[in-house]
N, C-alpha and C. Protein backbone atom coordinates (compact mmCIF):
# COMPACT_ATOMS: atom_id res chain seq x y z
N MET A 1 0.85 -1.16 0.00
CA MET A 1 0.00 0.00 0.00
C MET A 1 0.90 1.23 0.00
N ILE A 2 0.76 2.04 -1.04
CA ILE A 2 1.55 3.26 -1.13
C ILE A 2 0.64 4.40 -1.55
N GLU A 3 0.76 5.51 -0.87
CA GLU A 3 0.06 6.74 -1.24
C GLU A 3 0.75 7.90 -0.55
N ASP A 4 0.41 9.10 -0.97
CA ASP A 4 0.97 10.28 -0.32
C ASP A 4 0.03 11.45 -0.56
N VAL A 5 0.36 12.54 0.08
CA VAL A 5 -0.45 13.74 -0.05
C VAL A 5 0.47 14.95 -0.16
N GLY A 6 0.16 15.84 -1.09
CA GLY A 6 0.87 17.10 -1.21
C GLY A 6 2.31 17.01 -1.70
N GLU A 7 2.66 15.96 -2.41
CA GLU A 7 4.03 15.82 -2.92
C GLU A 7 4.04 15.93 -4.43
N GLN A 8 5.01 16.65 -4.96
CA GLN A 8 5.15 16.77 -6.41
C GLN A 8 5.77 15.48 -6.96
N ALA A 9 5.59 15.26 -8.26
CA ALA A 9 6.06 14.03 -8.89
C ALA A 9 7.55 13.78 -8.66
N PHE A 10 8.38 14.81 -8.72
CA PHE A 10 9.82 14.60 -8.55
C PHE A 10 10.15 14.13 -7.14
N ARG A 11 9.36 14.56 -6.15
CA ARG A 11 9.59 14.11 -4.77
C ARG A 11 9.13 12.66 -4.59
N VAL A 12 8.01 12.29 -5.22
CA VAL A 12 7.55 10.89 -5.18
C VAL A 12 8.60 10.01 -5.86
N ASP A 13 9.15 10.48 -6.96
CA ASP A 13 10.21 9.76 -7.66
C ASP A 13 11.38 9.51 -6.72
N ARG A 14 11.80 10.53 -6.01
CA ARG A 14 12.93 10.39 -5.08
C ARG A 14 12.61 9.39 -3.97
N MET A 15 11.41 9.47 -3.41
CA MET A 15 11.04 8.57 -2.31
C MET A 15 10.98 7.11 -2.77
N LEU A 16 10.38 6.88 -3.95
CA LEU A 16 10.31 5.52 -4.47
C LEU A 16 11.70 4.99 -4.82
N THR A 17 12.55 5.84 -5.36
CA THR A 17 13.92 5.44 -5.67
C THR A 17 14.65 5.03 -4.40
N GLN A 18 14.47 5.77 -3.32
CA GLN A 18 15.10 5.42 -2.05
C GLN A 18 14.58 4.08 -1.53
N LEU A 19 13.27 3.84 -1.65
CA LEU A 19 12.71 2.56 -1.21
C LEU A 19 13.29 1.41 -2.04
N LEU A 20 13.40 1.62 -3.34
CA LEU A 20 13.96 0.58 -4.22
C LEU A 20 15.42 0.31 -3.90
N ARG A 21 16.22 1.35 -3.80
CA ARG A 21 17.67 1.17 -3.57
C ARG A 21 17.99 0.63 -2.19
N SER A 22 17.14 0.91 -1.21
CA SER A 22 17.39 0.42 0.14
C SER A 22 16.93 -1.02 0.32
N GLY A 23 16.21 -1.56 -0.67
CA GLY A 23 15.75 -2.93 -0.57
C GLY A 23 14.40 -3.12 0.10
N TRP A 24 13.75 -2.03 0.46
CA TRP A 24 12.47 -2.12 1.15
C TRP A 24 11.37 -2.75 0.29
N LEU A 25 11.51 -2.71 -1.01
CA LEU A 25 10.49 -3.29 -1.88
C LEU A 25 10.88 -4.68 -2.39
N ASP A 26 12.03 -5.18 -1.97
CA ASP A 26 12.45 -6.53 -2.35
C ASP A 26 11.45 -7.54 -1.78
N GLY A 27 11.00 -8.43 -2.62
CA GLY A 27 10.11 -9.50 -2.16
C GLY A 27 8.65 -9.14 -2.05
N VAL A 28 8.25 -7.92 -2.45
CA VAL A 28 6.82 -7.60 -2.40
C VAL A 28 6.08 -8.48 -3.40
N ALA A 29 4.86 -8.85 -3.05
CA ALA A 29 4.05 -9.70 -3.93
C ALA A 29 3.14 -8.87 -4.82
N GLY A 30 2.89 -7.64 -4.44
CA GLY A 30 2.03 -6.75 -5.21
C GLY A 30 1.98 -5.39 -4.54
N ILE A 31 1.50 -4.41 -5.29
CA ILE A 31 1.43 -3.04 -4.77
C ILE A 31 0.08 -2.46 -5.12
N ALA A 32 -0.56 -1.87 -4.12
CA ALA A 32 -1.80 -1.12 -4.33
C ALA A 32 -1.47 0.36 -4.12
N LEU A 33 -1.83 1.17 -5.09
CA LEU A 33 -1.58 2.61 -5.02
C LEU A 33 -2.88 3.31 -4.64
N GLY A 34 -2.81 4.13 -3.61
CA GLY A 34 -4.00 4.83 -3.14
C GLY A 34 -4.16 6.19 -3.77
N SER A 35 -4.70 7.10 -2.99
CA SER A 35 -4.92 8.46 -3.47
C SER A 35 -3.60 9.22 -3.47
N TRP A 36 -3.51 10.17 -4.31
CA TRP A 36 -2.34 11.06 -4.39
C TRP A 36 -2.85 12.48 -4.32
N ASP A 37 -3.62 12.74 -3.26
CA ASP A 37 -4.29 14.03 -3.08
C ASP A 37 -3.29 15.18 -3.05
N ARG A 38 -3.56 16.19 -3.86
CA ARG A 38 -2.73 17.39 -3.95
C ARG A 38 -1.29 17.08 -4.39
N CYS A 39 -1.13 16.03 -5.21
CA CYS A 39 0.20 15.68 -5.75
C CYS A 39 0.31 16.10 -7.21
N GLY A 40 -0.52 17.04 -7.62
CA GLY A 40 -0.50 17.50 -9.00
C GLY A 40 -1.35 16.61 -9.88
N PRO A 41 -1.38 16.91 -11.16
CA PRO A 41 -2.18 16.11 -12.08
C PRO A 41 -1.67 14.66 -12.12
N TYR A 42 -2.59 13.70 -12.03
CA TYR A 42 -2.20 12.30 -11.99
C TYR A 42 -1.46 11.89 -13.26
N GLU A 43 -1.78 12.53 -14.40
CA GLU A 43 -1.09 12.18 -15.65
C GLU A 43 0.39 12.57 -15.62
N GLN A 44 0.79 13.42 -14.68
CA GLN A 44 2.22 13.73 -14.49
C GLN A 44 2.87 12.77 -13.50
N LEU A 45 2.09 12.30 -12.54
CA LEU A 45 2.61 11.40 -11.52
C LEU A 45 2.67 9.95 -12.02
N ARG A 46 1.71 9.56 -12.82
CA ARG A 46 1.61 8.16 -13.27
C ARG A 46 2.88 7.65 -13.95
N PRO A 47 3.52 8.41 -14.85
CA PRO A 47 4.76 7.91 -15.47
C PRO A 47 5.86 7.61 -14.45
N VAL A 48 5.91 8.39 -13.37
CA VAL A 48 6.90 8.14 -12.31
C VAL A 48 6.59 6.81 -11.64
N LEU A 49 5.31 6.58 -11.32
CA LEU A 49 4.92 5.34 -10.67
C LEU A 49 5.20 4.14 -11.57
N VAL A 50 4.88 4.27 -12.85
CA VAL A 50 5.13 3.18 -13.81
C VAL A 50 6.62 2.90 -13.92
N ASP A 51 7.43 3.95 -14.04
CA ASP A 51 8.87 3.78 -14.19
C ASP A 51 9.50 3.15 -12.96
N ARG A 52 9.12 3.59 -11.79
CA ARG A 52 9.74 3.10 -10.56
C ARG A 52 9.22 1.73 -10.15
N LEU A 53 7.94 1.46 -10.35
CA LEU A 53 7.35 0.22 -9.84
C LEU A 53 7.18 -0.87 -10.90
N GLY A 54 7.18 -0.49 -12.16
CA GLY A 54 6.96 -1.44 -13.24
C GLY A 54 8.01 -2.52 -13.33
N GLY A 55 9.22 -2.20 -12.96
CA GLY A 55 10.32 -3.16 -13.04
C GLY A 55 10.32 -4.22 -11.95
N LEU A 56 9.43 -4.09 -10.97
CA LEU A 56 9.38 -5.06 -9.88
C LEU A 56 8.80 -6.40 -10.33
N GLY A 57 8.04 -6.38 -11.43
CA GLY A 57 7.45 -7.61 -11.94
C GLY A 57 6.34 -8.17 -11.07
N VAL A 58 5.65 -7.30 -10.36
CA VAL A 58 4.53 -7.72 -9.51
C VAL A 58 3.28 -6.95 -9.92
N PRO A 59 2.10 -7.47 -9.57
CA PRO A 59 0.88 -6.73 -9.88
C PRO A 59 0.86 -5.37 -9.18
N VAL A 60 0.44 -4.36 -9.92
CA VAL A 60 0.27 -3.02 -9.35
C VAL A 60 -1.13 -2.54 -9.71
N VAL A 61 -1.89 -2.15 -8.68
CA VAL A 61 -3.24 -1.62 -8.88
C VAL A 61 -3.20 -0.15 -8.50
N GLU A 62 -3.65 0.71 -9.41
CA GLU A 62 -3.62 2.15 -9.13
C GLU A 62 -5.01 2.68 -8.81
N GLU A 63 -5.02 3.86 -8.17
CA GLU A 63 -6.26 4.54 -7.78
C GLU A 63 -7.18 3.60 -7.02
N PHE A 64 -6.63 2.99 -5.95
CA PHE A 64 -7.34 1.97 -5.20
C PHE A 64 -8.34 2.52 -4.20
N GLY A 65 -8.32 3.81 -3.92
CA GLY A 65 -9.36 4.41 -3.08
C GLY A 65 -9.05 4.50 -1.60
N PHE A 66 -7.80 4.34 -1.21
CA PHE A 66 -7.44 4.55 0.19
C PHE A 66 -6.45 5.71 0.27
N GLY A 67 -6.30 6.25 1.45
CA GLY A 67 -5.35 7.33 1.65
C GLY A 67 -6.03 8.61 2.07
N HIS A 68 -5.49 9.72 1.59
CA HIS A 68 -5.95 11.05 1.97
C HIS A 68 -6.96 11.57 0.95
N CYS A 69 -8.07 10.88 0.81
CA CYS A 69 -9.07 11.31 -0.15
C CYS A 69 -10.46 11.20 0.49
N GLU A 70 -11.38 11.91 -0.08
CA GLU A 70 -12.75 11.85 0.43
C GLU A 70 -13.31 10.45 0.21
N GLY A 71 -13.95 9.90 1.23
CA GLY A 71 -14.52 8.57 1.13
C GLY A 71 -13.48 7.46 1.11
N ALA A 72 -12.30 7.72 1.69
CA ALA A 72 -11.20 6.76 1.64
C ALA A 72 -11.56 5.45 2.33
N LEU A 73 -11.12 4.35 1.71
CA LEU A 73 -11.29 3.03 2.29
C LEU A 73 -10.31 2.84 3.43
N THR A 74 -10.70 2.04 4.40
CA THR A 74 -9.79 1.64 5.47
C THR A 74 -9.15 0.33 5.05
N ILE A 75 -7.84 0.29 5.05
CA ILE A 75 -7.11 -0.90 4.65
C ILE A 75 -6.41 -1.48 5.88
N PRO A 76 -6.77 -2.70 6.27
CA PRO A 76 -6.09 -3.30 7.43
C PRO A 76 -4.67 -3.72 7.05
N LEU A 77 -3.73 -3.48 7.94
CA LEU A 77 -2.34 -3.86 7.70
C LEU A 77 -2.04 -5.11 8.51
N GLY A 78 -1.18 -5.96 7.98
CA GLY A 78 -0.79 -7.17 8.68
C GLY A 78 -1.77 -8.32 8.52
N VAL A 79 -2.72 -8.19 7.60
CA VAL A 79 -3.71 -9.23 7.36
C VAL A 79 -3.39 -9.87 6.01
N SER A 80 -3.41 -11.19 5.98
CA SER A 80 -3.17 -11.90 4.72
C SER A 80 -4.29 -11.58 3.74
N ALA A 81 -3.90 -11.29 2.48
CA ALA A 81 -4.89 -10.91 1.47
C ALA A 81 -4.37 -11.28 0.09
N GLU A 82 -5.29 -11.27 -0.87
CA GLU A 82 -4.92 -11.54 -2.27
C GLU A 82 -5.27 -10.32 -3.11
N LEU A 83 -4.26 -9.79 -3.80
CA LEU A 83 -4.43 -8.66 -4.69
C LEU A 83 -4.58 -9.18 -6.12
N ASP A 84 -5.68 -8.87 -6.75
CA ASP A 84 -5.92 -9.26 -8.14
C ASP A 84 -5.86 -7.99 -8.98
N ALA A 85 -4.74 -7.78 -9.65
CA ALA A 85 -4.54 -6.56 -10.43
C ALA A 85 -5.49 -6.49 -11.62
N ASP A 86 -5.78 -7.64 -12.23
CA ASP A 86 -6.68 -7.64 -13.39
C ASP A 86 -8.09 -7.21 -13.00
N ALA A 87 -8.56 -7.70 -11.87
CA ALA A 87 -9.92 -7.36 -11.41
C ALA A 87 -9.93 -6.07 -10.59
N GLY A 88 -8.76 -5.64 -10.12
CA GLY A 88 -8.69 -4.45 -9.27
C GLY A 88 -9.29 -4.68 -7.90
N THR A 89 -9.04 -5.89 -7.34
CA THR A 89 -9.63 -6.23 -6.05
C THR A 89 -8.57 -6.65 -5.04
N LEU A 90 -8.89 -6.46 -3.78
CA LEU A 90 -8.10 -6.93 -2.67
C LEU A 90 -9.03 -7.75 -1.80
N THR A 91 -8.79 -9.04 -1.70
CA THR A 91 -9.65 -9.94 -0.93
C THR A 91 -8.91 -10.38 0.31
N LEU A 92 -9.49 -10.09 1.47
CA LEU A 92 -8.86 -10.48 2.74
C LEU A 92 -9.03 -11.97 2.94
N ASP A 93 -7.96 -12.66 3.36
CA ASP A 93 -7.99 -14.09 3.63
C ASP A 93 -8.47 -14.40 5.05
N GLU A 94 -8.56 -13.38 5.86
CA GLU A 94 -8.99 -13.54 7.26
C GLU A 94 -9.67 -12.24 7.68
N PRO A 95 -10.45 -12.28 8.76
CA PRO A 95 -11.10 -11.05 9.21
C PRO A 95 -10.09 -9.98 9.62
N ALA A 96 -10.41 -8.75 9.33
CA ALA A 96 -9.53 -7.63 9.71
C ALA A 96 -9.55 -7.40 11.21
N LEU A 97 -10.65 -7.72 11.85
CA LEU A 97 -10.80 -7.55 13.30
C LEU A 97 -11.13 -8.89 13.94
N ARG A 98 -10.64 -9.06 15.13
CA ARG A 98 -10.94 -10.31 15.87
C ARG A 98 -11.65 -10.00 17.14
């Protein structure tokens, strides 16, 4: 799950590059991209996301509806789930709350 608020495309580029070079994205099974509220026009940000994340060889779903946006979805962390990039779905394998 990756999203941000109020960052220009060049700053998102720098942050993703740091995550890649530091190894933080090694072994990810998929990436869901949330809202990019106040990050400029999405058509300027999207090429950065494609360039930085496309080489990982994992499913990437964009505009997933979580983050700093109106009506944002709540995404539980630490719960096993299946990301289907073709369908644009995230299916939890277990309840988010116990």
